[in-house]
PDB file of N, CA and C in Angstrom:
ATOM      1  N   MET A   1      -2.663  14.420   6.084  1.00  0.00           N
ATOM      2  CA  MET A   1      -2.907  13.084   5.527  1.00  0.00           C
ATOM      3  C   MET A   1      -3.161  12.108   6.693  1.00  0.00           C
ATOM      4  N   LYS A   2      -2.462  12.171   7.775  1.00  0.00           N
ATOM      5  CA  LYS A   2      -2.737  11.220   8.778  1.00  0.00           C
ATOM      6  C   LYS A   2      -4.065  11.374   9.408  1.00  0.00           C
ATOM      7  N   THR A   3      -4.538  12.675   9.603  1.00  0.00           N
ATOM      8  CA  THR A   3      -5.857  12.780  10.180  1.00  0.00           C
ATOM      9  C   THR A   3      -6.986  12.373   9.353  1.00  0.00           C
ATOM     10  N   ARG A   4      -6.710  12.517   7.968  1.00  0.00           N
ATOM     11  CA  ARG A   4      -7.661  12.007   6.974  1.00  0.00           C
ATOM     12  C   ARG A   4      -7.775  10.477   7.004  1.00  0.00           C
ATOM     13  N   LEU A   5      -6.600   9.848   7.133  1.00  0.00           N
ATOM     14  CA  LEU A   5      -6.504   8.393   7.226  1.00  0.00           C
ATOM     15  C   LEU A   5      -7.172   7.874   8.582  1.00  0.00           C
ATOM     16  N   LYS A   6      -6.937   8.578   9.604  1.00  0.00           N
ATOM     17  CA  LYS A   6      -7.473   8.121  10.934  1.00  0.00           C
ATOM     18  C   LYS A   6      -9.046   8.311  10.852  1.00  0.00           C
ATOM     19  N   ARG A   7      -9.558   9.397  10.255  1.00  0.00           N
ATOM     20  CA  ARG A   7     -10.954   9.563  10.134  1.00  0.00           C
ATOM     21  C   ARG A   7     -11.650   8.515   9.292  1.00  0.00           C
ATOM     22  N   ALA A   8     -10.933   8.143   8.173  1.00  0.00           N
ATOM     23  CA  ALA A   8     -11.456   7.099   7.348  1.00  0.00           C
ATOM     24  C   ALA A   8     -11.476   5.739   7.997  1.00  0.00           C
ATOM     25  N   ILE A   9     -10.476   5.397   8.846  1.00  0.00           N
ATOM     26  CA  ILE A   9     -10.394   4.127   9.510  1.00  0.00           C
ATOM     27  C   ILE A   9     -11.475   4.126  10.578  1.00  0.00           C
ATOM     28  N   LYS A  10     -11.637   5.250  11.310  1.00  0.00           N
ATOM     29  CA  LYS A  10     -12.680   5.360  12.339  1.00  0.00           C
ATOM     30  C   LYS A  10     -14.135   5.166  11.723  1.00  0.00           C
ATOM     31  N   ALA A  11     -14.269   5.843  10.547  1.00  0.00           N
ATOM     32  CA  ALA A  11     -15.600   5.682   9.898  1.00  0.00           C
ATOM     33  C   ALA A  11     -15.868   4.280   9.503  1.00  0.00           C
ATOM     34  N   LEU A  12     -14.881   3.576   9.018  1.00  0.00           N
ATOM     35  CA  LEU A  12     -15.020   2.195   8.558  1.00  0.00           C
ATOM     36  C   LEU A  12     -15.310   1.311   9.856  1.00  0.00           C
ATOM     37  N   GLN A  13     -14.583   1.576  10.906  1.00  0.00           N
ATOM     38  CA  GLN A  13     -14.870   0.768  12.167  1.00  0.00           C
ATOM     39  C   GLN A  13     -16.212   0.985  12.688  1.00  0.00           C
ATOM     40  N   GLU A  14     -16.717   2.251  12.665  1.00  0.00           N
ATOM     41  CA  GLU A  14     -18.025   2.527  13.110  1.00  0.00           C
ATOM     42  C   GLU A  14     -19.108   1.915  12.227  1.00  0.00           C
ATOM     43  N   ALA A  15     -18.794   1.712  10.964  1.00  0.00           N
ATOM     44  CA  ALA A  15     -19.753   1.151  10.015  1.00  0.00           C
ATOM     45  C   ALA A  15     -19.552  -0.317   9.856  1.00  0.00           C
ATOM     46  N   SER A  16     -18.705  -0.914  10.606  1.00  0.00           N
ATOM     47  CA  SER A  16     -18.414  -2.377  10.417  1.00  0.00           C
ATOM     48  C   SER A  16     -19.596  -3.280  10.551  1.00  0.00           C
ATOM     49  N   GLY A  17     -20.488  -2.972  11.499  1.00  0.00           N
ATOM     50  CA  GLY A  17     -21.671  -3.762  11.711  1.00  0.00           C
ATOM     51  C   GLY A  17     -22.546  -3.703  10.514  1.00  0.00           C
ATOM     52  N   PHE A  18     -22.757  -2.634   9.942  1.00  0.00           N
ATOM     53  CA  PHE A  18     -23.609  -2.459   8.712  1.00  0.00           C
ATOM     54  C   PHE A  18     -22.884  -3.173   7.521  1.00  0.00           C
ATOM     55  N   ILE A  19     -21.574  -3.027   7.379  1.00  0.00           N
ATOM     56  CA  ILE A  19     -20.849  -3.640   6.283  1.00  0.00           C
ATOM     57  C   ILE A  19     -20.924  -5.121   6.475  1.00  0.00           C
ATOM     58  N   ARG A  20     -20.812  -5.651   7.765  1.00  0.00           N
ATOM     59  CA  ARG A  20     -21.012  -7.045   8.034  1.00  0.00           C
ATOM     60  C   ARG A  20     -22.326  -7.590   7.545  1.00  0.00           C
ATOM     61  N   SER A  21     -23.412  -6.820   7.894  1.00  0.00           N
ATOM     62  CA  SER A  21     -24.706  -7.290   7.497  1.00  0.00           C
ATOM     63  C   SER A  21     -24.893  -7.271   6.026  1.00  0.00           C
ATOM     64  N   LEU A  22     -24.347  -6.327   5.330  1.00  0.00           N
ATOM     65  CA  LEU A  22     -24.433  -6.329   3.846  1.00  0.00           C
ATOM     66  C   LEU A  22     -23.639  -7.567   3.277  1.00  0.00           C
ATOM     67  N   LEU A  23     -22.452  -7.814   3.863  1.00  0.00           N
ATOM     68  CA  LEU A  23     -21.715  -8.982   3.343  1.00  0.00           C
ATOM     69  C   LEU A  23     -22.448 -10.284   3.574  1.00  0.00           C
ATOM     70  N   GLY A  24     -23.014 -10.465   4.786  1.00  0.00           N
ATOM     71  CA  GLY A  24     -23.774 -11.617   5.126  1.00  0.00           C
ATOM     72  C   GLY A  24     -24.970 -11.826   4.168  1.00  0.00           C
ATOM     73  N   LYS A  25     -25.638 -10.797   3.770  1.00  0.00           N
ATOM     74  CA  LYS A  25     -26.771 -10.920   2.866  1.00  0.00           C
ATOM     75  C   LYS A  25     -26.194 -11.197   1.395  1.00  0.00           C
ATOM     76  N   ALA A  26     -25.154 -10.489   1.021  1.00  0.00           N
ATOM     77  CA  ALA A  26     -24.619 -10.636  -0.403  1.00  0.00           C
ATOM     78  C   ALA A  26     -24.030 -12.075  -0.558  1.00  0.00           C
ATOM     79  N   MET A  27     -23.500 -12.681   0.537  1.00  0.00           N
ATOM     80  CA  MET A  27     -22.816 -13.881   0.402  1.00  0.00           C
ATOM     81  C   MET A  27     -23.595 -15.012   0.964  1.00  0.00           C
ATOM     82  N   ARG A  28     -24.774 -14.769   1.447  1.00  0.00           N
ATOM     83  CA  ARG A  28     -25.707 -15.627   2.061  1.00  0.00           C
ATOM     84  C   ARG A  28     -25.041 -16.491   3.253  1.00  0.00           C
ATOM     85  N   LEU A  29     -24.446 -15.640   4.119  1.00  0.00           N
ATOM     86  CA  LEU A  29     -23.767 -16.308   5.321  1.00  0.00           C
ATOM     87  C   LEU A  29     -24.629 -16.009   6.618  1.00  0.00           C
ATOM     88  N   ARG A  30     -24.755 -17.054   7.367  1.00  0.00           N
ATOM     89  CA  ARG A  30     -25.308 -16.867   8.668  1.00  0.00           C
ATOM     90  C   ARG A  30     -24.393 -16.307   9.695  1.00  0.00           C
ATOM     91  N   ILE A  31     -23.251 -16.636   9.595  1.00  0.00           N
ATOM     92  CA  ILE A  31     -22.184 -16.080  10.537  1.00  0.00           C
ATOM     93  C   ILE A  31     -21.118 -15.355   9.682  1.00  0.00           C
ATOM     94  N   VAL A  32     -20.922 -14.066   9.975  1.00  0.00           N
ATOM     95  CA  VAL A  32     -19.945 -13.231   9.249  1.00  0.00           C
ATOM     96  C   VAL A  32     -18.800 -12.946  10.248  1.00  0.00           C
ATOM     97  N   PRO A  33     -17.673 -13.127   9.789  1.00  0.00           N
ATOM     98  CA  PRO A  33     -16.467 -12.854  10.693  1.00  0.00           C
ATOM     99  C   PRO A  33     -16.401 -11.401  11.062  1.00  0.00           C
ATOM    100  N   GLU A  34     -15.795 -11.103  12.217  1.00  0.00           N
ATOM    101  CA  GLU A  34     -15.592  -9.665  12.616  1.00  0.00           C
ATOM    102  C   GLU A  34     -14.675  -8.954  11.588  1.00  0.00           C
ATOM    103  N   LEU A  35     -14.927  -7.781  11.281  1.00  0.00           N
ATOM    104  CA  LEU A  35     -14.096  -6.994  10.304  1.00  0.00           C
ATOM    105  C   LEU A  35     -13.198  -6.077  11.093  1.00  0.00           C
ATOM    106  N   THR A  36     -11.919  -6.028  10.586  1.00  0.00           N
ATOM    107  CA  THR A  36     -11.024  -5.092  11.172  1.00  0.00           C
ATOM    108  C   THR A  36     -10.402  -4.211  10.053  1.00  0.00           C
ATOM    109  N   PHE A  37     -10.234  -2.977  10.255  1.00  0.00           N
ATOM    110  CA  PHE A  37      -9.717  -2.162   9.262  1.00  0.00           C
ATOM    111  C   PHE A  37      -8.434  -1.498   9.739  1.00  0.00           C
ATOM    112  N   PHE A  38      -7.479  -1.407   8.947  1.00  0.00           N
ATOM    113  CA  PHE A  38      -6.211  -0.788   9.248  1.00  0.00           C
ATOM    114  C   PHE A  38      -5.469  -0.424   7.882  1.00  0.00           C
ATOM    115  N   TYR A  39      -4.595   0.579   8.051  1.00  0.00           N
ATOM    116  CA  TYR A  39      -3.887   1.094   6.882  1.00  0.00           C
ATOM    117  C   TYR A  39      -2.804   0.087   6.428  1.00  0.00           C
ATOM    118  N   ASP A  40      -2.880  -0.246   5.226  1.00  0.00           N
ATOM    119  CA  ASP A  40      -1.791  -1.200   4.670  1.00  0.00           C
ATOM    120  C   ASP A  40      -0.775  -0.383   3.898  1.00  0.00           C
ATOM    121  N   ASN A  41       0.411  -0.384   4.458  1.00  0.00           N
ATOM    122  CA  ASN A  41       1.570   0.536   3.887  1.00  0.00           C
ATOM    123  C   ASN A  41       2.261  -0.289   2.767  1.00  0.00           C
ATOM    124  N   SER A  42       1.901  -1.469   2.409  1.00  0.00           N
ATOM    125  CA  SER A  42       2.761  -2.256   1.531  1.00  0.00           C
ATOM    126  C   SER A  42       2.827  -1.762   0.079  1.00  0.00           C
ATOM    127  N   LEU A  43       1.731  -1.082  -0.277  1.00  0.00           N
ATOM    128  CA  LEU A  43       1.739  -0.498  -1.740  1.00  0.00           C
ATOM    129  C   LEU A  43       2.640   0.583  -1.812  1.00  0.00           C
ATOM    130  N   VAL A  44       2.683   1.460  -0.798  1.00  0.00           N
ATOM    131  CA  VAL A  44       3.543   2.655  -0.765  1.00  0.00           C
ATOM    132  C   VAL A  44       5.081   2.182  -0.646  1.00  0.00           C
ATOM    133  N   GLU A  45       5.246   1.161   0.181  1.00  0.00           N
ATOM    134  CA  GLU A  45       6.664   0.622   0.455  1.00  0.00           C
ATOM    135  C   GLU A  45       7.034  -0.089  -0.842  1.00  0.00           C
ATOM    136  N   GLY A  46       6.162  -0.774  -1.539  1.00  0.00           N
ATOM    137  CA  GLY A  46       6.509  -1.431  -2.851  1.00  0.00           C
ATOM    138  C   GLY A  46       6.930  -0.395  -3.897  1.00  0.00           C
ATOM    139  N   MET A  47       6.193   0.611  -3.924  1.00  0.00           N
ATOM    140  CA  MET A  47       6.486   1.712  -4.880  1.00  0.00           C
ATOM    141  C   MET A  47       7.805   2.310  -4.605  1.00  0.00           C
ATOM    142  N   ARG A  48       8.111   2.591  -3.357  1.00  0.00           N
ATOM    143  CA  ARG A  48       9.366   3.150  -2.970  1.00  0.00           C
ATOM    144  C   ARG A  48      10.478   2.162  -3.389  1.00  0.00           C
ATOM    145  N   MET A  49      10.334   0.923  -3.115  1.00  0.00           N
ATOM    146  CA  MET A  49      11.403  -0.010  -3.518  1.00  0.00           C
ATOM    147  C   MET A  49      11.629  -0.111  -5.033  1.00  0.00           C
ATOM    148  N   SER A  50      10.475  -0.075  -5.661  1.00  0.00           N
ATOM    149  CA  SER A  50      10.447  -0.078  -7.151  1.00  0.00           C
ATOM    150  C   SER A  50      11.249   1.106  -7.673  1.00  0.00           C
ATOM    151  N   ASN A  51      10.988   2.313  -7.125  1.00  0.00           N
ATOM    152  CA  ASN A  51      11.722   3.535  -7.494  1.00  0.00           C
ATOM    153  C   ASN A  51      13.292   3.359  -7.228  1.00  0.00           C
ATOM    154  N   LEU A  52      13.545   2.814  -6.030  1.00  0.00           N
ATOM    155  CA  LEU A  52      14.995   2.603  -5.735  1.00  0.00           C
ATOM    156  C   LEU A  52      15.704   1.688  -6.730  1.00  0.00           C
ATOM    157  N   VAL A  53      14.996   0.665  -7.179  1.00  0.00           N
ATOM    158  CA  VAL A  53      15.580  -0.322  -8.101  1.00  0.00           C
ATOM    159  C   VAL A  53      15.721   0.367  -9.480  1.00  0.00           C
ATOM    160  N   THR A  54      14.717   1.053  -9.901  1.00  0.00           N
ATOM    161  CA  THR A  54      14.796   1.869 -11.165  1.00  0.00           C
ATOM    162  C   THR A  54      16.001   2.835 -11.167  1.00  0.00           C
ATOM    163  N   SER A  55      16.165   3.514 -10.020  1.00  0.00           N
ATOM    164  CA  SER A  55      17.210   4.532  -9.908  1.00  0.00           C
ATOM    165  C   SER A  55      18.571   3.822  -9.996  1.00  0.00           C
ATOM    166  N   VAL A  56      18.705   2.718  -9.353  1.00  0.00           N
ATOM    167  CA  VAL A  56      19.982   1.959  -9.393  1.00  0.00           C
ATOM    168  C   VAL A  56      20.246   1.475 -10.808  1.00  0.00           C
ATOM    169  N   VAL A  57      19.199   0.847 -11.446  1.00  0.00           N
ATOM    170  CA  VAL A  57      19.445   0.372 -12.862  1.00  0.00           C
ATOM    171  C   VAL A  57      19.791   1.502 -13.817  1.00  0.00           C
ATOM    172  N   LYS A  58      19.138   2.652 -13.614  1.00  0.00           N
ATOM    173  CA  LYS A  58      19.483   3.841 -14.474  1.00  0.00           C
ATOM    174  C   LYS A  58      20.889   4.289 -14.284  1.00  0.00           C
ATOM    175  N   HIS A  59      21.289   4.330 -13.024  1.00  0.00           N
ATOM    176  CA  HIS A  59      22.678   4.702 -12.667  1.00  0.00           C
ATOM    177  C   HIS A  59      23.710   3.748 -13.254  1.00  0.00           C
ATOM    178  N   ASP A  60      23.335   2.414 -13.126  1.00  0.00           N
ATOM    179  CA  ASP A  60      24.225   1.435 -13.631  1.00  0.00           C
ATOM    180  C   ASP A  60      24.330   1.448 -15.215  1.00  0.00           C
ATOM    181  N   GLU A  61      23.222   1.789 -15.819  1.00  0.00           N
ATOM    182  CA  GLU A  61      23.216   1.939 -17.295  1.00  0.00           C
ATOM    183  C   GLU A  61      24.074   3.177 -17.724  1.00  0.00           C
ATOM    184  N   GLU A  62      23.982   4.199 -17.027  1.00  0.00           N
ATOM    185  CA  GLU A  62      24.837   5.389 -17.348  1.00  0.00           C
ATOM    186  C   GLU A  62      26.287   5.127 -17.102  1.00  0.00           C
ATOM    187  N   ARG A  63      26.615   4.321 -16.120  1.00  0.00           N
ATOM    188  CA  ARG A  63      28.027   4.038 -15.889  1.00  0.00           C
ATOM    189  C   ARG A  63      28.539   3.078 -17.040  1.00  0.00           C
ATOM    190  N   ARG A  64      27.682   2.254 -17.460  1.00  0.00           N
ATOM    191  CA  ARG A  64      28.093   1.362 -18.530  1.00  0.00           C
ATOM    192  C   ARG A  64      28.350   1.975 -19.862  1.00  0.00           C
ATOM    193  N   VAL A  65      27.531   3.079 -20.101  1.00  0.00           N
ATOM    194  CA  VAL A  65      27.576   3.838 -21.360  1.00  0.00           C
ATOM    195  C   VAL A  65      28.815   4.822 -21.256  1.00  0.00           C
ATOM    196  N   ASN A  66      29.072   5.378 -20.135  1.00  0.00           N
ATOM    197  CA  ASN A  66      30.140   6.341 -19.983  1.00  0.00           C
ATOM    198  C   ASN A  66      31.008   5.896 -18.817  1.00  0.00           C
ATOM    199  N   PRO A  67      31.824   4.891 -18.963  1.00  0.00           N
ATOM    200  CA  PRO A  67      32.631   4.378 -17.851  1.00  0.00           C
ATOM    201  C   PRO A  67      33.745   5.379 -17.412  1.00  0.00           C
ATOM    202  N   ASP A  68      34.212   6.214 -18.259  1.00  0.00           N
ATOM    203  CA  ASP A  68      35.288   7.205 -17.836  1.00  0.00           C
ATOM    204  C   ASP A  68      34.629   8.290 -17.036  1.00  0.00           C
ATOM    205  N   ASP A  69      33.328   8.607 -17.213  1.00  0.00           N
ATOM    206  CA  ASP A  69      32.781   9.726 -16.473  1.00  0.00           C
ATOM    207  C   ASP A  69      32.293   9.339 -15.077  1.00  0.00           C
ATOM    208  N   SER A  70      32.085   8.099 -14.766  1.00  0.00           N
ATOM    209  CA  SER A  70      31.617   7.710 -13.409  1.00  0.00           C
ATOM    210  C   SER A  70      32.635   7.812 -12.322  1.00  0.00           C
ATOM    211  N   LYS A  71      32.165   8.026 -11.179  1.00  0.00           N
ATOM    212  CA  LYS A  71      33.054   8.073 -10.019  1.00  0.00           C
ATOM    213  C   LYS A  71      32.568   6.968  -8.996  1.00  0.00           C
ATOM    214  N   GLU A  72      33.462   6.317  -8.370  1.00  0.00           N
ATOM    215  CA  GLU A  72      33.119   5.382  -7.378  1.00  0.00           C
ATOM    216  C   GLU A  72      32.654   6.026  -6.059  1.00  0.00           C
ATOM    217  N   ASP A  73      31.518   5.638  -5.653  1.00  0.00           N
ATOM    218  CA  ASP A  73      30.988   6.324  -4.413  1.00  0.00           C
ATOM    219  C   ASP A  73      31.295   5.605  -3.176  1.00  0.00           C
TER     220      ASP A  73
END
């Protein structure tokens, strides 16, 4: 996965000039800012945090339904 990601970022960086020219034409800009590409981990991290919250809520609901069966951790 990491090599695939690195190759994708490298390809985007190599094509940044072409992408800038397309953006400039599409947006009718004379000056187009420099583009930088990097992997954004926020979606993966957000999903991980959401799963943690879901797990805790599920555990809490189970404890509420069966208070005698739960153990304190």
